[in-house]
Amino acid sequence: MTGGVPIIGVNDARGRDETVVQILFTLPVRIKSLNAILAYGLRERMHEKRAQRTAALLVTRSHVLASLGGLRWPLLVDLVRVGPRRLDDDNLAGALKHIRDGVAAALGVDDGDTARVTWRYGQRQDRQAVGVEVTIRAPPATGAPSPTAGSPASPARGTVGAPTCPPPTDAPSPR
């Protein structure tokens, strides 16, 4: 870990070792099926939307601001729903919409900007836990050291460089 930024070594699609930045955290929100949400009244739906988007925005912002030193574009964001039952694929993407909106707002991008952010969805069944696991991956910083070929993925050493992801405009400046 370098300056609060987790650096991991991974193999890219061509089998080469590459250093990437990864931010992983869990949002403690219950994600319900769209079918269940549509049965709500308008007031309940709006409350659900606001609560999910706000939770995603605040938690993502705190993690991103803590690791701005290594965040680079384009980003890959994985949203994994954890819950007692599985949702079908189209229901999964819809159920995670407000989480995606909150994460995008915290990153300071439009969630439809495919040049800067790629979104992937998944789910994990767990009878005891509920929430959304968010993983944000960024390409390596310029000049960041890479793990040596053939070695197990280990934390890289060295500086990450200046941030290229600006903090959201209404966020307090990091100290």
N, C-alpha and C. Protein backbone atom coordinates (compact mmCIF):
# COMPACT_ATOMS: atom_id res chain seq x y z
N MET A 1 0.85 -1.16 0.00
CA MET A 1 0.00 0.00 0.00
C MET A 1 0.90 1.23 0.00
N THR A 2 0.56 2.20 -0.84
CA THR A 2 1.38 3.38 -0.97
C THR A 2 0.55 4.61 -0.67
N GLY A 3 0.83 5.29 0.43
CA GLY A 3 0.12 6.52 0.76
C GLY A 3 -1.37 6.34 0.88
N GLY A 4 -1.84 5.20 1.40
CA GLY A 4 -3.25 4.96 1.54
C GLY A 4 -3.91 4.42 0.29
N VAL A 5 -3.14 4.20 -0.78
CA VAL A 5 -3.70 3.71 -2.03
C VAL A 5 -3.30 2.25 -2.21
N PRO A 6 -4.28 1.35 -2.26
CA PRO A 6 -3.94 -0.06 -2.46
C PRO A 6 -3.44 -0.28 -3.88
N ILE A 7 -2.27 -0.84 -4.01
CA ILE A 7 -1.68 -1.16 -5.31
C ILE A 7 -1.57 -2.67 -5.37
N ILE A 8 -2.10 -3.26 -6.43
CA ILE A 8 -2.01 -4.71 -6.57
C ILE A 8 -1.42 -5.05 -7.92
N GLY A 9 -0.77 -6.19 -8.00
CA GLY A 9 -0.24 -6.66 -9.27
C GLY A 9 -1.22 -7.67 -9.86
N VAL A 10 -1.52 -7.53 -11.14
CA VAL A 10 -2.42 -8.47 -11.81
C VAL A 10 -1.86 -8.78 -13.18
N ASN A 11 -2.36 -9.84 -13.79
CA ASN A 11 -2.02 -10.13 -15.18
C ASN A 11 -3.09 -9.53 -16.07
N ASP A 12 -2.68 -8.81 -17.12
CA ASP A 12 -3.67 -8.26 -18.03
C ASP A 12 -4.11 -9.35 -19.01
N ALA A 13 -4.95 -8.98 -19.96
CA ALA A 13 -5.52 -9.97 -20.89
C ALA A 13 -4.45 -10.66 -21.73
N ARG A 14 -3.32 -10.02 -21.94
CA ARG A 14 -2.26 -10.61 -22.76
C ARG A 14 -1.24 -11.37 -21.92
N GLY A 15 -1.52 -11.53 -20.61
CA GLY A 15 -0.64 -12.31 -19.75
C GLY A 15 0.53 -11.53 -19.18
N ARG A 16 0.58 -10.21 -19.44
CA ARG A 16 1.67 -9.40 -18.91
C ARG A 16 1.31 -8.93 -17.51
N ASP A 17 2.32 -8.80 -16.66
CA ASP A 17 2.10 -8.26 -15.33
C ASP A 17 1.87 -6.76 -15.44
N GLU A 18 0.93 -6.25 -14.68
CA GLU A 18 0.61 -4.84 -14.71
C GLU A 18 0.18 -4.42 -13.30
N THR A 19 0.55 -3.23 -12.89
CA THR A 19 0.15 -2.73 -11.59
C THR A 19 -1.10 -1.87 -11.75
N VAL A 20 -2.11 -2.12 -10.93
CA VAL A 20 -3.34 -1.35 -11.00
C VAL A 20 -3.69 -0.86 -9.60
N VAL A 21 -4.52 0.15 -9.55
CA VAL A 21 -5.04 0.65 -8.29
C VAL A 21 -6.42 0.03 -8.09
N GLN A 22 -6.69 -0.45 -6.88
CA GLN A 22 -7.99 -1.05 -6.60
C GLN A 22 -8.52 -0.50 -5.27
N ILE A 23 -9.76 -0.08 -5.30
CA ILE A 23 -10.46 0.38 -4.09
C ILE A 23 -11.63 -0.57 -3.90
N LEU A 24 -11.72 -1.19 -2.73
CA LEU A 24 -12.78 -2.16 -2.45
C LEU A 24 -13.48 -1.79 -1.15
N PHE A 25 -14.81 -1.70 -1.18
CA PHE A 25 -15.58 -1.42 0.02
C PHE A 25 -16.98 -1.98 -0.15
N THR A 26 -17.70 -2.08 0.98
CA THR A 26 -19.06 -2.61 0.97
C THR A 26 -20.02 -1.54 1.44
N LEU A 27 -21.12 -1.38 0.69
CA LEU A 27 -22.19 -0.47 1.10
C LEU A 27 -23.21 -1.27 1.90
N PRO A 28 -23.54 -0.85 3.10
CA PRO A 28 -24.48 -1.60 3.92
C PRO A 28 -25.94 -1.26 3.60
N VAL A 29 -26.37 -1.57 2.39
CA VAL A 29 -27.75 -1.30 1.98
C VAL A 29 -28.39 -2.58 1.48
N ARG A 30 -29.68 -2.72 1.69
CA ARG A 30 -30.42 -3.87 1.19
C ARG A 30 -30.94 -3.51 -0.20
N ILE A 31 -30.56 -4.29 -1.21
CA ILE A 31 -30.99 -4.07 -2.58
C ILE A 31 -32.14 -5.02 -2.86
N LYS A 32 -33.31 -4.46 -3.14
CA LYS A 32 -34.49 -5.26 -3.40
C LYS A 32 -34.73 -5.39 -4.89
N SER A 33 -35.47 -6.41 -5.25
CA SER A 33 -35.87 -6.63 -6.63
C SER A 33 -36.68 -5.45 -7.13
N LEU A 34 -36.55 -5.12 -8.41
CA LEU A 34 -37.36 -4.06 -8.99
C LEU A 34 -38.84 -4.37 -8.85
N ASN A 35 -39.19 -5.64 -8.97
CA ASN A 35 -40.59 -6.02 -8.83
C ASN A 35 -41.12 -5.66 -7.45
N ALA A 36 -40.31 -5.85 -6.41
CA ALA A 36 -40.72 -5.50 -5.05
C ALA A 36 -40.82 -3.98 -4.89
N ILE A 37 -39.90 -3.25 -5.49
CA ILE A 37 -39.90 -1.80 -5.37
C ILE A 37 -41.09 -1.19 -6.09
N LEU A 38 -41.46 -1.76 -7.24
CA LEU A 38 -42.59 -1.22 -8.00
C LEU A 38 -43.91 -1.39 -7.26
N ALA A 39 -43.97 -2.30 -6.31
CA ALA A 39 -45.19 -2.48 -5.52
C ALA A 39 -45.34 -1.38 -4.48
N TYR A 40 -44.28 -0.62 -4.21
CA TYR A 40 -44.33 0.48 -3.26
C TYR A 40 -45.14 1.63 -3.83
N GLY A 41 -45.54 2.53 -2.95
CA GLY A 41 -46.13 3.79 -3.39
C GLY A 41 -45.02 4.73 -3.84
N LEU A 42 -45.40 5.83 -4.44
CA LEU A 42 -44.43 6.78 -4.97
C LEU A 42 -43.51 7.32 -3.88
N ARG A 43 -44.05 7.66 -2.73
CA ARG A 43 -43.25 8.20 -1.64
C ARG A 43 -42.19 7.20 -1.17
N GLU A 44 -42.55 5.93 -1.04
CA GLU A 44 -41.61 4.90 -0.60
C GLU A 44 -40.51 4.68 -1.65
N ARG A 45 -40.91 4.71 -2.93
CA ARG A 45 -39.90 4.54 -4.00
C ARG A 45 -38.90 5.68 -4.00
N MET A 46 -39.37 6.90 -3.83
CA MET A 46 -38.47 8.05 -3.80
C MET A 46 -37.54 7.99 -2.59
N HIS A 47 -38.06 7.57 -1.45
CA HIS A 47 -37.24 7.43 -0.25
C HIS A 47 -36.15 6.37 -0.48
N GLU A 48 -36.52 5.24 -1.07
CA GLU A 48 -35.57 4.16 -1.35
C GLU A 48 -34.46 4.65 -2.30
N LYS A 49 -34.86 5.35 -3.35
CA LYS A 49 -33.90 5.88 -4.33
C LYS A 49 -32.92 6.84 -3.65
N ARG A 50 -33.45 7.79 -2.88
CA ARG A 50 -32.62 8.79 -2.24
C ARG A 50 -31.66 8.15 -1.23
N ALA A 51 -32.15 7.18 -0.46
CA ALA A 51 -31.31 6.53 0.55
C ALA A 51 -30.16 5.76 -0.10
N GLN A 52 -30.45 5.01 -1.16
CA GLN A 52 -29.41 4.23 -1.83
C GLN A 52 -28.38 5.14 -2.50
N ARG A 53 -28.85 6.14 -3.22
CA ARG A 53 -27.93 7.04 -3.93
C ARG A 53 -27.04 7.80 -2.94
N THR A 54 -27.62 8.27 -1.85
CA THR A 54 -26.85 9.01 -0.85
C THR A 54 -25.82 8.13 -0.17
N ALA A 55 -26.21 6.90 0.19
CA ALA A 55 -25.25 5.98 0.81
C ALA A 55 -24.08 5.71 -0.13
N ALA A 56 -24.39 5.44 -1.41
CA ALA A 56 -23.34 5.16 -2.39
C ALA A 56 -22.44 6.37 -2.58
N LEU A 57 -23.02 7.55 -2.67
CA LEU A 57 -22.25 8.79 -2.87
C LEU A 57 -21.30 9.04 -1.70
N LEU A 58 -21.81 8.98 -0.48
CA LEU A 58 -20.99 9.32 0.68
C LEU A 58 -19.88 8.30 0.95
N VAL A 59 -20.22 7.02 0.87
CA VAL A 59 -19.20 6.00 1.14
C VAL A 59 -18.15 5.98 0.03
N THR A 60 -18.59 6.08 -1.22
CA THR A 60 -17.63 6.11 -2.34
C THR A 60 -16.74 7.33 -2.23
N ARG A 61 -17.33 8.48 -1.96
CA ARG A 61 -16.54 9.71 -1.85
C ARG A 61 -15.47 9.59 -0.78
N SER A 62 -15.81 9.01 0.37
CA SER A 62 -14.81 8.89 1.44
C SER A 62 -13.67 7.97 1.02
N HIS A 63 -13.97 6.89 0.32
CA HIS A 63 -12.91 5.98 -0.12
C HIS A 63 -12.09 6.58 -1.27
N VAL A 64 -12.75 7.25 -2.20
CA VAL A 64 -12.04 7.84 -3.34
C VAL A 64 -11.16 8.99 -2.89
N LEU A 65 -11.68 9.86 -2.02
CA LEU A 65 -10.87 10.98 -1.54
C LEU A 65 -9.65 10.51 -0.78
N ALA A 66 -9.78 9.37 -0.08
CA ALA A 66 -8.64 8.83 0.67
C ALA A 66 -7.58 8.26 -0.27
N SER A 67 -7.96 7.93 -1.50
CA SER A 67 -6.99 7.29 -2.40
C SER A 67 -6.82 8.03 -3.71
N LEU A 68 -7.02 9.33 -3.71
CA LEU A 68 -6.90 10.10 -4.95
C LEU A 68 -5.51 10.05 -5.57
N GLY A 69 -4.51 9.76 -4.79
CA GLY A 69 -3.15 9.77 -5.31
C GLY A 69 -2.93 8.81 -6.45
N GLY A 70 -3.73 7.77 -6.60
CA GLY A 70 -3.47 6.80 -7.64
C GLY A 70 -4.60 6.56 -8.60
N LEU A 71 -5.69 7.29 -8.50
CA LEU A 71 -6.85 7.03 -9.35
C LEU A 71 -6.62 7.62 -10.74
N ARG A 72 -6.74 6.79 -11.75
CA ARG A 72 -6.53 7.20 -13.15
C ARG A 72 -7.72 6.75 -13.98
N TRP A 73 -7.93 7.38 -15.11
CA TRP A 73 -9.01 7.02 -16.03
C TRP A 73 -8.45 6.13 -17.12
N PRO A 74 -9.20 5.25 -17.72
CA PRO A 74 -10.58 4.90 -17.43
C PRO A 74 -10.67 3.97 -16.23
N LEU A 75 -11.84 3.93 -15.60
CA LEU A 75 -12.06 3.10 -14.44
C LEU A 75 -12.94 1.90 -14.79
N LEU A 76 -12.76 0.83 -14.04
CA LEU A 76 -13.63 -0.34 -14.12
C LEU A 76 -14.29 -0.47 -12.75
N VAL A 77 -15.62 -0.41 -12.72
CA VAL A 77 -16.35 -0.48 -11.46
C VAL A 77 -17.20 -1.74 -11.45
N ASP A 78 -16.99 -2.58 -10.44
CA ASP A 78 -17.79 -3.78 -10.24
C ASP A 78 -18.76 -3.54 -9.09
N LEU A 79 -20.04 -3.80 -9.33
CA LEU A 79 -21.06 -3.72 -8.30
C LEU A 79 -21.59 -5.15 -8.07
N VAL A 80 -21.39 -5.68 -6.88
CA VAL A 80 -21.81 -7.05 -6.57
C VAL A 80 -22.85 -6.99 -5.46
N ARG A 81 -24.08 -7.37 -5.78
CA ARG A 81 -25.16 -7.41 -4.80
C ARG A 81 -25.01 -8.67 -3.95
N VAL A 82 -25.10 -8.50 -2.64
CA VAL A 82 -25.06 -9.62 -1.70
C VAL A 82 -26.42 -9.70 -1.04
N GLY A 83 -27.06 -10.86 -1.11
CA GLY A 83 -28.38 -11.01 -0.52
C GLY A 83 -28.79 -12.46 -0.42
N PRO A 84 -29.93 -12.69 0.22
CA PRO A 84 -30.37 -14.06 0.46
C PRO A 84 -30.87 -14.78 -0.80
N ARG A 85 -31.34 -14.03 -1.80
CA ARG A 85 -31.83 -14.65 -3.04
C ARG A 85 -31.16 -13.99 -4.24
N ARG A 86 -31.08 -14.74 -5.33
CA ARG A 86 -30.51 -14.22 -6.57
C ARG A 86 -31.60 -13.49 -7.36
N LEU A 87 -31.18 -12.47 -8.09
CA LEU A 87 -32.06 -11.76 -9.01
C LEU A 87 -31.69 -12.15 -10.43
N ASP A 88 -32.65 -12.08 -11.36
CA ASP A 88 -32.29 -12.31 -12.75
C ASP A 88 -31.47 -11.11 -13.25
N ASP A 89 -30.77 -11.30 -14.38
CA ASP A 89 -29.79 -10.30 -14.82
C ASP A 89 -30.37 -8.92 -15.08
N ASP A 90 -31.52 -8.85 -15.77
CA ASP A 90 -32.07 -7.53 -16.07
C ASP A 90 -32.60 -6.86 -14.80
N ASN A 91 -33.09 -7.63 -13.85
CA ASN A 91 -33.54 -7.09 -12.59
C ASN A 91 -32.36 -6.61 -11.75
N LEU A 92 -31.24 -7.31 -11.85
CA LEU A 92 -30.04 -6.94 -11.09
C LEU A 92 -29.54 -5.55 -11.49
N ALA A 93 -29.41 -5.31 -12.78
CA ALA A 93 -28.92 -4.00 -13.24
C ALA A 93 -29.87 -2.88 -12.82
N GLY A 94 -31.17 -3.10 -12.92
CA GLY A 94 -32.14 -2.09 -12.51
C GLY A 94 -32.12 -1.84 -11.01
N ALA A 95 -31.97 -2.91 -10.24
CA ALA A 95 -31.96 -2.77 -8.78
C ALA A 95 -30.73 -2.01 -8.29
N LEU A 96 -29.63 -2.07 -9.05
CA LEU A 96 -28.40 -1.38 -8.67
C LEU A 96 -28.27 0.02 -9.29
N LYS A 97 -29.32 0.49 -9.98
CA LYS A 97 -29.24 1.76 -10.68
C LYS A 97 -28.88 2.93 -9.76
N HIS A 98 -29.52 3.02 -8.61
CA HIS A 98 -29.28 4.17 -7.73
C HIS A 98 -27.90 4.09 -7.08
N ILE A 99 -27.41 2.88 -6.86
CA ILE A 99 -26.05 2.71 -6.36
C ILE A 99 -25.07 3.21 -7.42
N ARG A 100 -25.30 2.81 -8.67
CA ARG A 100 -24.44 3.25 -9.78
C ARG A 100 -24.46 4.78 -9.89
N ASP A 101 -25.63 5.38 -9.78
CA ASP A 101 -25.73 6.84 -9.85
C ASP A 101 -24.93 7.51 -8.74
N GLY A 102 -25.00 6.96 -7.52
CA GLY A 102 -24.27 7.54 -6.40
C GLY A 102 -22.76 7.39 -6.55
N VAL A 103 -22.32 6.22 -7.02
CA VAL A 103 -20.88 6.01 -7.24
C VAL A 103 -20.37 6.95 -8.33
N ALA A 104 -21.14 7.08 -9.42
CA ALA A 104 -20.74 7.98 -10.51
C ALA A 104 -20.67 9.43 -10.01
N ALA A 105 -21.63 9.85 -9.21
CA ALA A 105 -21.61 11.22 -8.68
C ALA A 105 -20.39 11.44 -7.80
N ALA A 106 -20.03 10.44 -7.00
CA ALA A 106 -18.85 10.58 -6.14
C ALA A 106 -17.57 10.66 -6.97
N LEU A 107 -17.54 9.97 -8.11
CA LEU A 107 -16.37 10.02 -8.98
C LEU A 107 -16.35 11.28 -9.84
N GLY A 108 -17.47 12.01 -9.88
CA GLY A 108 -17.54 13.24 -10.66
C GLY A 108 -17.74 13.00 -12.14
N VAL A 109 -18.39 11.87 -12.51
CA VAL A 109 -18.64 11.55 -13.92
C VAL A 109 -20.12 11.21 -14.10
N ASP A 110 -20.57 11.26 -15.35
CA ASP A 110 -21.89 10.79 -15.70
C ASP A 110 -21.83 9.26 -15.78
N ASP A 111 -22.84 8.57 -15.27
CA ASP A 111 -22.77 7.10 -15.27
C ASP A 111 -22.88 6.51 -16.67
N GLY A 112 -23.23 7.32 -17.66
CA GLY A 112 -23.29 6.84 -19.04
C GLY A 112 -22.01 7.10 -19.82
N ASP A 113 -20.99 7.69 -19.19
CA ASP A 113 -19.73 8.01 -19.85
C ASP A 113 -18.87 6.75 -19.98
N THR A 114 -19.08 5.98 -21.05
CA THR A 114 -18.39 4.71 -21.23
C THR A 114 -16.91 4.88 -21.56
N ALA A 115 -16.49 6.06 -21.96
CA ALA A 115 -15.07 6.28 -22.22
C ALA A 115 -14.27 6.38 -20.92
N ARG A 116 -14.92 6.79 -19.83
CA ARG A 116 -14.22 6.97 -18.57
C ARG A 116 -14.51 5.88 -17.55
N VAL A 117 -15.69 5.25 -17.61
CA VAL A 117 -16.06 4.24 -16.62
C VAL A 117 -16.76 3.08 -17.30
N THR A 118 -16.32 1.86 -16.99
CA THR A 118 -17.00 0.64 -17.43
C THR A 118 -17.63 0.02 -16.20
N TRP A 119 -18.91 -0.34 -16.29
CA TRP A 119 -19.66 -0.89 -15.17
C TRP A 119 -19.89 -2.37 -15.39
N ARG A 120 -19.66 -3.17 -14.35
CA ARG A 120 -19.97 -4.60 -14.39
C ARG A 120 -20.81 -4.95 -13.17
N TYR A 121 -21.74 -5.89 -13.36
CA TYR A 121 -22.65 -6.28 -12.28
C TYR A 121 -22.45 -7.74 -11.95
N GLY A 122 -22.66 -8.05 -10.68
CA GLY A 122 -22.60 -9.43 -10.24
C GLY A 122 -23.42 -9.58 -8.97
N GLN A 123 -23.53 -10.81 -8.50
CA GLN A 123 -24.23 -11.03 -7.25
C GLN A 123 -23.68 -12.26 -6.57
N ARG A 124 -23.83 -12.25 -5.26
CA ARG A 124 -23.37 -13.35 -4.42
C ARG A 124 -24.46 -13.65 -3.43
N GLN A 125 -24.80 -14.91 -3.34
CA GLN A 125 -25.87 -15.31 -2.42
C GLN A 125 -25.28 -15.56 -1.04
N ASP A 126 -25.90 -14.93 -0.03
CA ASP A 126 -25.47 -15.09 1.35
C ASP A 126 -26.71 -14.91 2.22
N ARG A 127 -27.07 -15.93 2.96
CA ARG A 127 -28.30 -15.89 3.78
C ARG A 127 -28.19 -14.91 4.95
N GLN A 128 -26.98 -14.60 5.38
CA GLN A 128 -26.77 -13.76 6.56
C GLN A 128 -26.48 -12.30 6.23
N ALA A 129 -25.77 -12.05 5.15
CA ALA A 129 -25.31 -10.69 4.84
C ALA A 129 -26.13 -10.07 3.72
N VAL A 130 -26.25 -8.76 3.75
CA VAL A 130 -26.85 -7.99 2.66
C VAL A 130 -25.96 -6.78 2.41
N GLY A 131 -25.95 -6.30 1.19
CA GLY A 131 -25.17 -5.11 0.87
C GLY A 131 -24.74 -5.13 -0.58
N VAL A 132 -23.88 -4.20 -0.91
CA VAL A 132 -23.30 -4.11 -2.24
C VAL A 132 -21.80 -3.96 -2.09
N GLU A 133 -21.05 -4.87 -2.69
CA GLU A 133 -19.60 -4.77 -2.70
C GLU A 133 -19.20 -3.97 -3.93
N VAL A 134 -18.46 -2.90 -3.72
CA VAL A 134 -18.04 -2.01 -4.80
C VAL A 134 -16.53 -2.14 -4.95
N THR A 135 -16.08 -2.42 -6.17
CA THR A 135 -14.66 -2.46 -6.46
C THR A 135 -14.39 -1.47 -7.60
N ILE A 136 -13.47 -0.55 -7.37
CA ILE A 136 -13.09 0.42 -8.39
C ILE A 136 -11.64 0.13 -8.75
N ARG A 137 -11.39 -0.14 -10.03
CA ARG A 137 -10.03 -0.41 -10.50
C ARG A 137 -9.64 0.67 -11.50
N ALA A 138 -8.38 1.05 -11.40
CA ALA A 138 -7.84 2.07 -12.31
C ALA A 138 -6.55 1.55 -12.91
N PRO A 139 -6.20 2.01 -14.11
CA PRO A 139 -4.92 1.61 -14.70
C PRO A 139 -3.77 2.16 -13.87
N PRO A 140 -2.57 1.65 -14.10
CA PRO A 140 -1.43 2.10 -13.31
C PRO A 140 -1.10 3.56 -13.54
N ALA A 141 -0.54 4.17 -12.50
CA ALA A 141 -0.06 5.54 -12.62
C ALA A 141 1.19 5.53 -13.48
N THR A 142 1.44 6.63 -14.17
CA THR A 142 2.63 6.76 -14.99
C THR A 142 3.86 6.63 -14.11
N GLY A 143 4.74 5.73 -14.47
CA GLY A 143 5.96 5.55 -13.71
C GLY A 143 5.81 4.68 -12.49
N ALA A 144 4.61 4.11 -12.26
CA ALA A 144 4.44 3.23 -11.11
C ALA A 144 5.15 1.93 -11.38
N PRO A 145 5.87 1.41 -10.40
CA PRO A 145 6.59 0.17 -10.62
C PRO A 145 5.65 -1.00 -10.82
N SER A 146 6.05 -1.96 -11.65
CA SER A 146 5.27 -3.16 -11.89
C SER A 146 5.93 -4.33 -11.20
N PRO A 147 5.15 -5.33 -10.77
CA PRO A 147 5.76 -6.52 -10.20
C PRO A 147 6.63 -7.19 -11.25
N THR A 148 7.67 -7.86 -10.81
CA THR A 148 8.54 -8.54 -11.77
C THR A 148 7.82 -9.74 -12.34
N ALA A 149 8.11 -10.05 -13.60
CA ALA A 149 7.46 -11.17 -14.27
C ALA A 149 7.79 -12.46 -13.53
N GLY A 150 6.78 -13.30 -13.38
CA GLY A 150 6.97 -14.58 -12.72
C GLY A 150 6.84 -14.53 -11.22
N SER A 151 6.79 -13.34 -10.63
CA SER A 151 6.64 -13.26 -9.18
C SER A 151 5.16 -13.19 -8.83
N PRO A 152 4.80 -13.65 -7.64
CA PRO A 152 3.40 -13.52 -7.26
C PRO A 152 3.02 -12.06 -7.13
N ALA A 153 1.74 -11.78 -7.33
CA ALA A 153 1.27 -10.40 -7.24
C ALA A 153 1.53 -9.88 -5.84
N SER A 154 2.32 -8.84 -5.75
CA SER A 154 2.66 -8.29 -4.45
C SER A 154 2.50 -6.79 -4.50
N PRO A 155 2.33 -6.15 -3.35
CA PRO A 155 2.19 -4.70 -3.37
C PRO A 155 3.42 -4.02 -3.97
N ALA A 156 3.17 -3.04 -4.81
CA ALA A 156 4.26 -2.30 -5.43
C ALA A 156 4.79 -1.27 -4.46
N ARG A 157 6.01 -0.87 -4.65
CA ARG A 157 6.61 0.16 -3.80
C ARG A 157 6.90 1.39 -4.65
N GLY A 158 6.93 2.52 -4.02
CA GLY A 158 7.25 3.75 -4.74
C GLY A 158 6.08 4.72 -4.68
N THR A 159 6.25 5.86 -5.30
CA THR A 159 5.19 6.85 -5.27
C THR A 159 4.22 6.60 -6.40
N VAL A 160 3.01 7.04 -6.21
CA VAL A 160 1.97 6.81 -7.19
C VAL A 160 1.87 7.96 -8.15
N GLY A 161 2.14 9.16 -7.72
CA GLY A 161 2.09 10.31 -8.62
C GLY A 161 0.95 11.24 -8.26
N ALA A 162 0.82 12.31 -9.03
CA ALA A 162 -0.20 13.32 -8.76
C ALA A 162 -1.57 12.81 -9.17
N PRO A 163 -2.61 13.20 -8.45
CA PRO A 163 -3.95 12.74 -8.80
C PRO A 163 -4.43 13.34 -10.10
N THR A 164 -5.18 12.54 -10.87
CA THR A 164 -5.79 13.05 -12.08
C THR A 164 -7.29 13.02 -11.97
N CYS A 165 -7.83 12.48 -10.88
CA CYS A 165 -9.27 12.45 -10.65
C CYS A 165 -9.60 13.59 -9.70
N PRO A 166 -10.27 14.64 -10.17
CA PRO A 166 -10.54 15.78 -9.29
C PRO A 166 -11.58 15.40 -8.25
N PRO A 167 -11.48 15.95 -7.04
CA PRO A 167 -12.51 15.69 -6.03
C PRO A 167 -13.82 16.34 -6.46
N PRO A 168 -14.94 15.78 -6.01
CA PRO A 168 -16.23 16.42 -6.33
C PRO A 168 -16.23 17.86 -5.84
N THR A 169 -16.94 18.71 -6.54
CA THR A 169 -16.90 20.14 -6.26
C THR A 169 -17.44 20.52 -4.90
N ASP A 170 -18.42 19.76 -4.38
CA ASP A 170 -18.98 20.12 -3.09
C ASP A 170 -18.32 19.38 -1.93
N ALA A 171 -17.23 18.67 -2.18
CA ALA A 171 -16.54 17.94 -1.13
C ALA A 171 -15.48 18.84 -0.47
N PRO A 172 -15.26 18.62 0.82
CA PRO A 172 -14.18 19.38 1.47
C PRO A 172 -12.83 18.97 0.89
N SER A 173 -11.92 19.91 0.81
CA SER A 173 -10.61 19.58 0.26
C SER A 173 -9.85 18.69 1.24
N PRO A 174 -9.08 17.68 0.71
CA PRO A 174 -8.32 16.81 1.60
C PRO A 174 -7.21 17.59 2.28
N ARG A 175 -6.91 17.21 3.53
CA ARG A 175 -5.88 17.92 4.29
C ARG A 175 -4.61 17.15 4.33
